[in-house]
C-alpha atoms as a PDB file:
ATOM      1  CA  MET A   1     -36.388 -14.661 -18.673  1.00  0.00           C
ATOM      2  CA  SER A   2     -36.700 -15.650 -15.135  1.00  0.00           C
ATOM      3  CA  LEU A   3     -35.095 -12.945 -12.347  1.00  0.00           C
ATOM      4  CA  MET A   4     -32.574 -16.009 -11.285  1.00  0.00           C
ATOM      5  CA  GLU A   5     -31.902 -15.561 -14.964  1.00  0.00           C
ATOM      6  CA  GLN A   6     -31.559 -12.087 -15.139  1.00  0.00           C
ATOM      7  CA  ILE A   7     -29.317 -12.367 -11.925  1.00  0.00           C
ATOM      8  CA  LEU A   8     -26.834 -15.605 -13.626  1.00  0.00           C
ATOM      9  CA  ALA A   9     -26.732 -12.618 -17.091  1.00  0.00           C
ATOM     10  CA  LEU A  10     -26.109  -9.174 -14.828  1.00  0.00           C
ATOM     11  CA  HIS A  11     -23.433 -12.113 -12.730  1.00  0.00           C
ATOM     12  CA  SER A  12     -21.661 -13.387 -15.726  1.00  0.00           C
ATOM     13  CA  VAL A  13     -20.734  -9.365 -16.931  1.00  0.00           C
ATOM     14  CA  ASP A  14     -20.402  -7.882 -12.930  1.00  0.00           C
ATOM     15  CA  VAL A  15     -17.215 -10.186 -12.400  1.00  0.00           C
ATOM     16  CA  GLN A  16     -15.399  -9.121 -15.595  1.00  0.00           C
ATOM     17  CA  VAL A  17     -16.576  -5.743 -14.586  1.00  0.00           C
ATOM     18  CA  ARG A  18     -14.745  -6.467 -11.654  1.00  0.00           C
ATOM     19  CA  ALA A  19     -11.649  -8.395 -12.879  1.00  0.00           C
ATOM     20  CA  LEU A  20     -10.502  -5.571 -14.902  1.00  0.00           C
ATOM     21  CA  ARG A  21     -11.251  -2.892 -12.226  1.00  0.00           C
ATOM     22  CA  GLY A  22      -9.851  -4.769  -9.953  1.00  0.00           C
ATOM     23  CA  ARG A  23      -6.399  -4.790 -13.089  1.00  0.00           C
ATOM     24  CA  LEU A  24      -6.236  -1.341 -13.029  1.00  0.00           C
ATOM     25  CA  ASP A  25      -7.134  -0.665  -8.907  1.00  0.00           C
ATOM     26  CA  SER A  26      -3.631  -3.320  -8.341  1.00  0.00           C
ATOM     27  CA  ALA A  27      -1.731  -0.762 -10.835  1.00  0.00           C
ATOM     28  CA  HIS A  28      -3.532   2.462  -9.108  1.00  0.00           C
ATOM     29  CA  HIS A  29      -2.247   1.107  -5.894  1.00  0.00           C
ATOM     30  CA  TYR A  30       1.149  -0.043  -7.113  1.00  0.00           C
ATOM     31  CA  LEU A  31       2.335   3.011  -8.334  1.00  0.00           C
ATOM     32  CA  LYS A  32       0.321   5.579  -5.371  1.00  0.00           C
ATOM     33  CA  THR A  33       2.972   2.548  -2.492  1.00  0.00           C
ATOM     34  CA  GLN A  34       5.882   3.661  -5.380  1.00  0.00           C
ATOM     35  CA  ASP A  35       5.171   7.224  -4.683  1.00  0.00           C
ATOM     36  CA  THR A  36       4.846   6.996  -1.408  1.00  0.00           C
ATOM     37  CA  GLN A  37       8.219   5.035  -0.672  1.00  0.00           C
ATOM     38  CA  MET A  38      10.147   8.532  -2.933  1.00  0.00           C
ATOM     39  CA  LYS A  39       8.367  10.785  -1.094  1.00  0.00           C
ATOM     40  CA  ASP A  40       9.640   9.453   2.477  1.00  0.00           C
ATOM     41  CA  LEU A  41      12.605   8.847   1.050  1.00  0.00           C
ATOM     42  CA  HIS A  42      13.244  12.156   0.081  1.00  0.00           C
ATOM     43  CA  ALA A  43      11.695  13.469   3.167  1.00  0.00           C
ATOM     44  CA  GLN A  44      14.555  10.979   4.682  1.00  0.00           C
ATOM     45  CA  ARG A  45      17.346  12.602   2.548  1.00  0.00           C
ATOM     46  CA  ASP A  46      15.883  15.845   3.144  1.00  0.00           C
ATOM     47  CA  GLU A  47      16.676  15.798   6.682  1.00  0.00           C
ATOM     48  CA  VAL A  48      20.083  14.556   7.173  1.00  0.00           C
ATOM     49  CA  GLU A  49      20.734  16.896   3.897  1.00  0.00           C
ATOM     50  CA  LEU A  50      19.638  19.131   6.937  1.00  0.00           C
ATOM     51  CA  GLN A  51      22.031  17.330   9.107  1.00  0.00           C
ATOM     52  CA  ARG A  52      25.139  17.992   7.309  1.00  0.00           C
ATOM     53  CA  LYS A  53      24.361  21.457   6.556  1.00  0.00           C
ATOM     54  CA  HIS A  54      24.334  22.264  10.276  1.00  0.00           C
ATOM     55  CA  THR A  55      26.908  20.235  10.922  1.00  0.00           C
ATOM     56  CA  GLN A  56      29.338  21.606   8.233  1.00  0.00           C
ATOM     57  CA  ALA A  57      28.596  25.115   9.737  1.00  0.00           C
ATOM     58  CA  GLN A  58      29.338  24.169  12.920  1.00  0.00           C
ATOM     59  CA  ALA A  59      32.784  22.188  11.632  1.00  0.00           C
ATOM     60  CA  ALA A  60      33.932  26.029   9.857  1.00  0.00           C
ATOM     61  CA  THR A  61      32.992  27.794  12.754  1.00  0.00           C
ATOM     62  CA  LEU A  62      35.083  25.490  14.796  1.00  0.00           C
ATOM     63  CA  GLU A  63      37.559  26.307  12.055  1.00  0.00           C
ATOM     64  CA  MET A  64      37.180  29.647  12.681  1.00  0.00           C
ATOM     65  CA  GLU A  65      37.702  29.935  16.628  1.00  0.00           C
ATOM     66  CA  ALA A  66      40.507  27.712  16.308  1.00  0.00           C
ATOM     67  CA  ASN A  67      42.224  29.872  13.220  1.00  0.00           C
ATOM     68  CA  GLY A  68      40.865  33.045  15.817  1.00  0.00           C
ATOM     69  CA  VAL A  69      43.102  31.520  18.836  1.00  0.00           C
ATOM     70  CA  GLY A  70      45.807  30.541  16.108  1.00  0.00           C
ATOM     71  CA  VAL A  71      46.461  34.562  15.455  1.00  0.00           C
ATOM     72  CA  GLN A  72      46.460  35.098  19.112  1.00  0.00           C
ATOM     73  CA  ILE A  73      49.008  33.251  19.424  1.00  0.00           C
ATOM     74  CA  GLN A  74      51.620  34.069  16.788  1.00  0.00           C
ATOM     75  CA  LYS A  75      51.301  37.129  18.526  1.00  0.00           C
ATOM     76  CA  MET A  76      51.993  36.099  22.048  1.00  0.00           C
ATOM     77  CA  ARG A  77      55.197  34.519  20.826  1.00  0.00           C
ATOM     78  CA  GLU A  78      56.255  36.817  19.168  1.00  0.00           C
ATOM     79  CA  GLU A  79      55.205  38.968  22.586  1.00  0.00           C
ATOM     80  CA  LEU A  80      57.255  36.236  24.543  1.00  0.00           C
ATOM     81  CA  ASN A  81      60.695  36.854  22.367  1.00  0.00           C
ATOM     82  CA  ASN A  82      60.507  40.409  23.712  1.00  0.00           C
ATOM     83  CA  SER A  83      59.669  40.236  27.435  1.00  0.00           C
ATOM     84  CA  CYS A  84      61.872  42.099  29.509  1.00  0.00           C
ATOM     85  CA  ASN A  85      62.023  40.520  32.652  1.00  0.00           C
ATOM     86  CA  THR A  86      61.348  36.760  34.231  1.00  0.00           C
ATOM     87  CA  LYS A  87      57.954  38.171  35.612  1.00  0.00           C
ATOM     88  CA  GLN A  88      56.791  38.713  32.580  1.00  0.00           C
ATOM     89  CA  TYR A  89      57.933  36.166  30.212  1.00  0.00           C
ATOM     90  CA  SER A  90      55.845  33.679  32.226  1.00  0.00           C
ATOM     91  CA  ALA A  91      53.185  35.505  32.695  1.00  0.00           C
ATOM     92  CA  ILE A  92      53.180  35.669  28.549  1.00  0.00           C
ATOM     93  CA  LEU A  93      53.815  31.512  28.811  1.00  0.00           C
ATOM     94  CA  ASN A  94      50.922  31.039  31.014  1.00  0.00           C
ATOM     95  CA  GLY A  95      48.975  32.479  28.310  1.00  0.00           C
ATOM     96  CA  LEU A  96      50.507  30.694  25.370  1.00  0.00           C
ATOM     97  CA  LYS A  97      49.345  27.450  26.474  1.00  0.00           C
ATOM     98  CA  SER A  98      46.230  28.574  27.387  1.00  0.00           C
ATOM     99  CA  LEU A  99      45.639  29.759  23.768  1.00  0.00           C
ATOM    100  CA  GLU A 100      46.918  26.554  22.808  1.00  0.00           C
ATOM    101  CA  LEU A 101      44.984  24.222  24.772  1.00  0.00           C
ATOM    102  CA  GLN A 102      42.192  26.292  23.736  1.00  0.00           C
ATOM    103  CA  LYS A 103      43.307  26.152  19.898  1.00  0.00           C
ATOM    104  CA  ASP A 104      43.691  22.252  20.554  1.00  0.00           C
ATOM    105  CA  ASN A 105      39.664  21.780  21.580  1.00  0.00           C
ATOM    106  CA  PHE A 106      38.109  24.077  19.076  1.00  0.00           C
ATOM    107  CA  GLU A 107      40.801  21.767  16.438  1.00  0.00           C
ATOM    108  CA  GLN A 108      39.305  18.109  18.314  1.00  0.00           C
ATOM    109  CA  GLN A 109      35.420  19.767  18.237  1.00  0.00           C
ATOM    110  CA  ALA A 110      36.014  20.709  14.407  1.00  0.00           C
ATOM    111  CA  LEU A 111      37.541  17.575  13.667  1.00  0.00           C
ATOM    112  CA  THR A 112      34.763  15.450  15.301  1.00  0.00           C
ATOM    113  CA  GLN A 113      31.929  17.754  13.259  1.00  0.00           C
ATOM    114  CA  ILE A 114      34.392  17.344  10.095  1.00  0.00           C
ATOM    115  CA  GLU A 115      33.880  13.147  10.450  1.00  0.00           C
ATOM    116  CA  LYS A 116      29.977  13.911  11.074  1.00  0.00           C
ATOM    117  CA  VAL A 117      29.706  15.590   7.415  1.00  0.00           C
ATOM    118  CA  GLU A 118      31.576  12.546   5.880  1.00  0.00           C
ATOM    119  CA  GLN A 119      29.471  10.016   7.181  1.00  0.00           C
ATOM    120  CA  LEU A 120      26.352  12.077   6.598  1.00  0.00           C
ATOM    121  CA  VAL A 121      27.811  12.653   3.166  1.00  0.00           C
ATOM    122  CA  ALA A 122      27.787   8.507   3.441  1.00  0.00           C
ATOM    123  CA  ARG A 123      24.065   8.064   4.007  1.00  0.00           C
ATOM    124  CA  LEU A 124      23.073  10.818   1.690  1.00  0.00           C
ATOM    125  CA  ALA A 125      24.667   8.421  -1.440  1.00  0.00           C
ATOM    126  CA  GLN A 126      22.640   5.683   0.480  1.00  0.00           C
ATOM    127  CA  PHE A 127      19.883   7.200   0.263  1.00  0.00           C
ATOM    128  CA  ASP A 128      20.371   8.734  -3.584  1.00  0.00           C
ATOM    129  CA  ALA A 129      20.958   5.184  -4.752  1.00  0.00           C
ATOM    130  CA  LYS A 130      17.316   3.755  -3.242  1.00  0.00           C
ATOM    131  CA  ILE A 131      16.113   6.777  -4.755  1.00  0.00           C
ATOM    132  CA  ALA A 132      17.488   6.040  -8.075  1.00  0.00           C
ATOM    133  CA  GLU A 133      16.298   2.372  -7.876  1.00  0.00           C
ATOM    134  CA  ARG A 134      12.567   3.222  -6.432  1.00  0.00           C
ATOM    135  CA  THR A 135      12.689   5.690  -9.599  1.00  0.00           C
ATOM    136  CA  THR A 136      13.260   3.031 -11.297  1.00  0.00           C
ATOM    137  CA  LEU A 137      10.738   0.815 -10.062  1.00  0.00           C
ATOM    138  CA  ARG A 138       7.831   4.237  -9.835  1.00  0.00           C
ATOM    139  CA  ASP A 139       8.857   4.568 -13.428  1.00  0.00           C
ATOM    140  CA  LYS A 140       7.722   0.992 -14.268  1.00  0.00           C
ATOM    141  CA  ALA A 141       4.420   0.996 -12.209  1.00  0.00           C
ATOM    142  CA  ALA A 142       3.528   4.331 -14.067  1.00  0.00           C
ATOM    143  CA  ALA A 143       4.256   2.292 -17.487  1.00  0.00           C
ATOM    144  CA  GLU A 144       2.442  -0.444 -16.329  1.00  0.00           C
ATOM    145  CA  LEU A 145      -0.854   1.675 -15.324  1.00  0.00           C
ATOM    146  CA  LYS A 146      -0.494   3.227 -18.564  1.00  0.00           C
ATOM    147  CA  GLU A 147      -0.876   0.209 -20.719  1.00  0.00           C
ATOM    148  CA  ARG A 148      -3.366  -1.338 -18.193  1.00  0.00           C
ATOM    149  CA  THR A 149      -5.534   1.671 -18.522  1.00  0.00           C
ATOM    150  CA  GLN A 150      -5.218   1.355 -22.800  1.00  0.00           C
ATOM    151  CA  GLU A 151      -5.964  -2.070 -23.042  1.00  0.00           C
ATOM    152  CA  THR A 152      -8.461  -2.284 -20.851  1.00  0.00           C
ATOM    153  CA  ALA A 153     -10.712   0.963 -21.778  1.00  0.00           C
ATOM    154  CA  ALA A 154     -12.510  -0.653 -25.072  1.00  0.00           C
ATOM    155  CA  ARG A 155     -13.216  -3.552 -23.276  1.00  0.00           C
ATOM    156  CA  LEU A 156     -13.834  -2.449 -20.049  1.00  0.00           C
ATOM    157  CA  GLY A 157     -16.813   0.550 -21.673  1.00  0.00           C
ATOM    158  CA  GLU A 158     -18.417  -2.371 -23.414  1.00  0.00           C
ATOM    159  CA  LEU A 159     -18.867  -4.535 -20.172  1.00  0.00           C
ATOM    160  CA  ASP A 160     -20.281  -1.151 -18.565  1.00  0.00           C
ATOM    161  CA  ARG A 161     -23.093  -1.045 -21.100  1.00  0.00           C
ATOM    162  CA  GLU A 162     -23.373  -4.696 -21.078  1.00  0.00           C
ATOM    163  CA  ARG A 163     -23.463  -4.552 -17.309  1.00  0.00           C
ATOM    164  CA  ALA A 164     -25.833  -1.377 -17.302  1.00  0.00           C
ATOM    165  CA  SER A 165     -28.188  -3.001 -20.001  1.00  0.00           C
ATOM    166  CA  ALA A 166     -28.186  -6.631 -17.975  1.00  0.00           C
ATOM    167  CA  ALA A 167     -28.853  -4.882 -14.708  1.00  0.00           C
ATOM    168  CA  ALA A 168     -32.135  -2.425 -15.870  1.00  0.00           C
ATOM    169  CA  HIS A 169     -33.803  -5.905 -16.801  1.00  0.00           C
ATOM    170  CA  VAL A 170     -33.935  -6.819 -12.528  1.00  0.00           C
ATOM    171  CA  PRO A 171     -36.062  -5.324 -10.454  1.00  0.00           C
ATOM    172  CA  ALA A 172     -34.916  -2.629  -8.088  1.00  0.00           C
ATOM    173  CA  PRO A 173     -34.645  -4.113  -4.614  1.00  0.00           C
ATOM    174  CA  SER A 174     -33.506  -7.135  -6.449  1.00  0.00           C
ATOM    175  CA  MET A 175     -30.401  -4.685  -7.720  1.00  0.00           C
ATOM    176  CA  VAL A 176     -29.980  -3.448  -4.153  1.00  0.00           C
ATOM    177  CA  ILE A 177     -29.545  -7.301  -3.115  1.00  0.00           C
ATOM    178  CA  PHE A 178     -27.233  -7.936  -5.929  1.00  0.00           C
ATOM    179  CA  ASP A 179     -24.814  -5.286  -5.664  1.00  0.00           C
ATOM    180  CA  GLU A 180     -24.385  -5.382  -1.552  1.00  0.00           C
ATOM    181  CA  VAL A 181     -23.425  -9.354  -1.539  1.00  0.00           C
ATOM    182  CA  ALA A 182     -20.843  -8.476  -4.708  1.00  0.00           C
ATOM    183  CA  ASN A 183     -19.285  -6.340  -2.750  1.00  0.00           C
ATOM    184  CA  ILE A 184     -18.909  -7.865   0.196  1.00  0.00           C
ATOM    185  CA  HIS A 185     -17.895 -10.988  -1.457  1.00  0.00           C
ATOM    186  CA  ALA A 186     -15.257  -9.242  -4.298  1.00  0.00           C
ATOM    187  CA  GLY A 187     -18.095  -9.672  -6.731  1.00  0.00           C
ATOM    188  CA  GLU A 188     -18.894 -13.349  -6.291  1.00  0.00           C
ATOM    189  CA  ALA A 189     -22.369 -12.897  -5.178  1.00  0.00           C
ATOM    190  CA  VAL A 190     -24.331 -15.966  -6.553  1.00  0.00           C
ATOM    191  CA  SER A 191     -23.370 -19.586  -5.643  1.00  0.00           C
ATOM    192  CA  PRO A 192     -24.878 -23.150  -6.873  1.00  0.00           C
ATOM    193  CA  VAL A 193     -26.667 -25.370  -4.676  1.00  0.00           C
ATOM    194  CA  MET A 194     -25.139 -29.026  -4.294  1.00  0.00           C
ATOM    195  CA  THR A 195     -26.678 -31.757  -3.194  1.00  0.00           C
ATOM    196  CA  VAL A 196     -25.329 -33.998  -0.025  1.00  0.00           C
ATOM    197  CA  ASP A 197     -28.016 -36.874   0.819  1.00  0.00           C
ATOM    198  CA  ALA A 198     -31.054 -36.716  -1.290  1.00  0.00           C
ATOM    199  CA  ARG A 199     -32.354 -39.430   0.498  1.00  0.00           C
ATOM    200  CA  SER A 200     -31.855 -37.175   3.543  1.00  0.00           C
ATOM    201  CA  ARG A 201     -32.914 -33.474   1.755  1.00  0.00           C
ATOM    202  CA  GLU A 202     -29.422 -32.256   3.060  1.00  0.00           C
ATOM    203  CA  TYR A 203     -28.346 -29.600   0.764  1.00  0.00           C
ATOM    204  CA  ALA A 204     -25.482 -27.210   0.706  1.00  0.00           C
ATOM    205  CA  CYS A 205     -24.441 -24.065  -0.605  1.00  0.00           C
ATOM    206  CA  THR A 206     -21.198 -24.633  -2.870  1.00  0.00           C
ATOM    207  CA  ALA A 207     -19.682 -21.916  -1.948  1.00  0.00           C
ATOM    208  CA  CYS A 208     -19.502 -21.891   2.089  1.00  0.00           C
ATOM    209  CA  ASN A 209     -20.616 -25.410   2.239  1.00  0.00           C
ATOM    210  CA  VAL A 210     -23.027 -24.835   4.680  1.00  0.00           C
ATOM    211  CA  GLU A 211     -26.095 -26.543   4.723  1.00  0.00           C
ATOM    212  CA  ILE A 212     -29.544 -25.190   3.504  1.00  0.00           C
ATOM    213  CA  PRO A 213     -33.062 -26.332   4.824  1.00  0.00           C
ATOM    214  CA  TYR A 214     -35.142 -28.206   2.589  1.00  0.00           C
ATOM    215  CA  GLN A 215     -37.295 -25.353   2.718  1.00  0.00           C
ATOM    216  CA  LEU A 216     -35.319 -22.832   0.758  1.00  0.00           C
ATOM    217  CA  TYR A 217     -34.351 -25.778  -1.691  1.00  0.00           C
ATOM    218  CA  SER A 218     -37.705 -26.391  -2.401  1.00  0.00           C
ATOM    219  CA  ARG A 219     -38.635 -22.492  -3.319  1.00  0.00           C
ATOM    220  CA  LEU A 220     -35.433 -22.946  -5.671  1.00  0.00           C
ATOM    221  CA  LEU A 221     -37.382 -25.789  -7.281  1.00  0.00           C
ATOM    222  CA  GLY A 222     -40.356 -22.674  -7.827  1.00  0.00           C
ATOM    223  CA  ASP A 223     -40.867 -20.248  -9.801  1.00  0.00           C
ATOM    224  CA  GLY A 224     -37.780 -18.083  -9.423  1.00  0.00           C
ATOM    225  CA  THR A 225     -40.077 -14.719  -8.497  1.00  0.00           C
ATOM    226  CA  SER A 226     -37.763 -13.875  -5.004  1.00  0.00           C
ATOM    227  CA  LEU A 227     -34.445 -14.557  -4.644  1.00  0.00           C
ATOM    228  CA  ILE A 228     -33.494 -17.173  -2.148  1.00  0.00           C
ATOM    229  CA  GLN A 229     -29.575 -16.386  -0.305  1.00  0.00           C
ATOM    230  CA  CYS A 230     -27.279 -18.354   1.842  1.00  0.00           C
ATOM    231  CA  LEU A 231     -28.329 -18.248   5.552  1.00  0.00           C
ATOM    232  CA  SER A 232     -24.642 -18.462   6.492  1.00  0.00           C
ATOM    233  CA  CYS A 233     -22.633 -15.889   3.675  1.00  0.00           C
ATOM    234  CA  LYS A 234     -25.942 -14.232   2.047  1.00  0.00           C
ATOM    235  CA  ARG A 235     -24.654 -15.360  -1.126  1.00  0.00           C
ATOM    236  CA  ILE A 236     -27.205 -15.850  -3.393  1.00  0.00           C
ATOM    237  CA  LEU A 237     -28.808 -19.174  -4.189  1.00  0.00           C
ATOM    238  CA  TYR A 238     -29.658 -20.996  -7.818  1.00  0.00           C
ATOM    239  CA  LEU A 239     -29.645 -24.432  -9.113  1.00  0.00           C
ATOM    240  CA  GLU A 240     -27.339 -25.296 -12.063  1.00  0.00           C
ATOM    241  CA  LEU A 241     -29.214 -27.309 -14.874  1.00  0.00           C
ATOM    242  CA  ALA A 242     -27.816 -30.260 -14.066  1.00  0.00           C
ATOM    243  CA  GLU A 243     -29.218 -30.406 -10.258  1.00  0.00           C
ATOM    244  CA  LEU A 244     -32.367 -29.280 -11.726  1.00  0.00           C
ATOM    245  CA  GLU A 245     -32.542 -32.479 -13.963  1.00  0.00           C
ATOM    246  CA  ALA A 246     -32.243 -34.764 -11.302  1.00  0.00           C
ATOM    247  CA  ALA A 247     -34.425 -32.861  -8.741  1.00  0.00           C
ATOM    248  CA  SER A 248     -36.867 -33.437 -11.229  1.00  0.00           C
ATOM    249  CA  LYS A 249     -36.235 -37.209 -12.084  1.00  0.00           C
ATOM    250  CA  ARG A 250     -36.436 -37.878  -7.912  1.00  0.00           C
ATOM    251  CA  LYS A 251     -39.330 -39.600  -6.593  1.00  0.00           C
ATOM    252  CA  PRO A 252     -41.019 -37.485  -4.028  1.00  0.00           C
ATOM    253  CA  VAL A 253     -40.086 -39.368  -0.096  1.00  0.00           C
ATOM    254  CA  ALA A 254     -42.940 -41.181   1.418  1.00  0.00           C
ATOM    255  CA  LYS A 255     -43.688 -39.534   4.068  1.00  0.00           C
ATOM    256  CA  SER A 256     -44.044 -41.852   7.133  1.00  0.00           C
ATOM    257  CA  SER A 257     -47.745 -42.892   8.416  1.00  0.00           C
END
């Protein structure tokens, strides 16, 4: 088996391994995305819940202040009823009016805080709905990952062994090139060469459509002891059977004298 045949055999298994691993990686990524979004939602909800507790505590404090002033008002009304003279009556009345304004102010502030609490409670309900929806998506993602893992585990194990066996026949330097190119192009490490115009000796890489010098094409017709890479995309070039048969039938182009 020539070096190029070894590379093609390796590539055949490698693309299958990458496809299966890609499915698993996609499921892992989707689950991770759901987990991240769940975490963000919980963090936002916790922040709103903290605001609700703080605001509710403020409302309770203001209500206590208003109630305290209310007790003072009640006492002053009793004093007002028991006042002995006009001067005392006026003084108590002025103090009473001041306390009533203070009580109204506390009650108004408390009402404002209670309205904020109600708004925050509504926001919490919205977050709870979003979290419930996201939980459903997250559970589905986890189930899908589990299913894909179970479906592909056995086959992936077989392919990993096949790939290791195929790689064992490829020389180390060529293996390095194959892995580098495969990683760059998501597993598409090889590309057939197509004939653009045989008479003009024009050939191109099928993957990137960039012209290939005739010298490289000639080397591909050789004994295949070394890898030939596209000068543009760096994929490993090879000639398909139909191209090899067509090349063997072509007459050499006569050199001009």
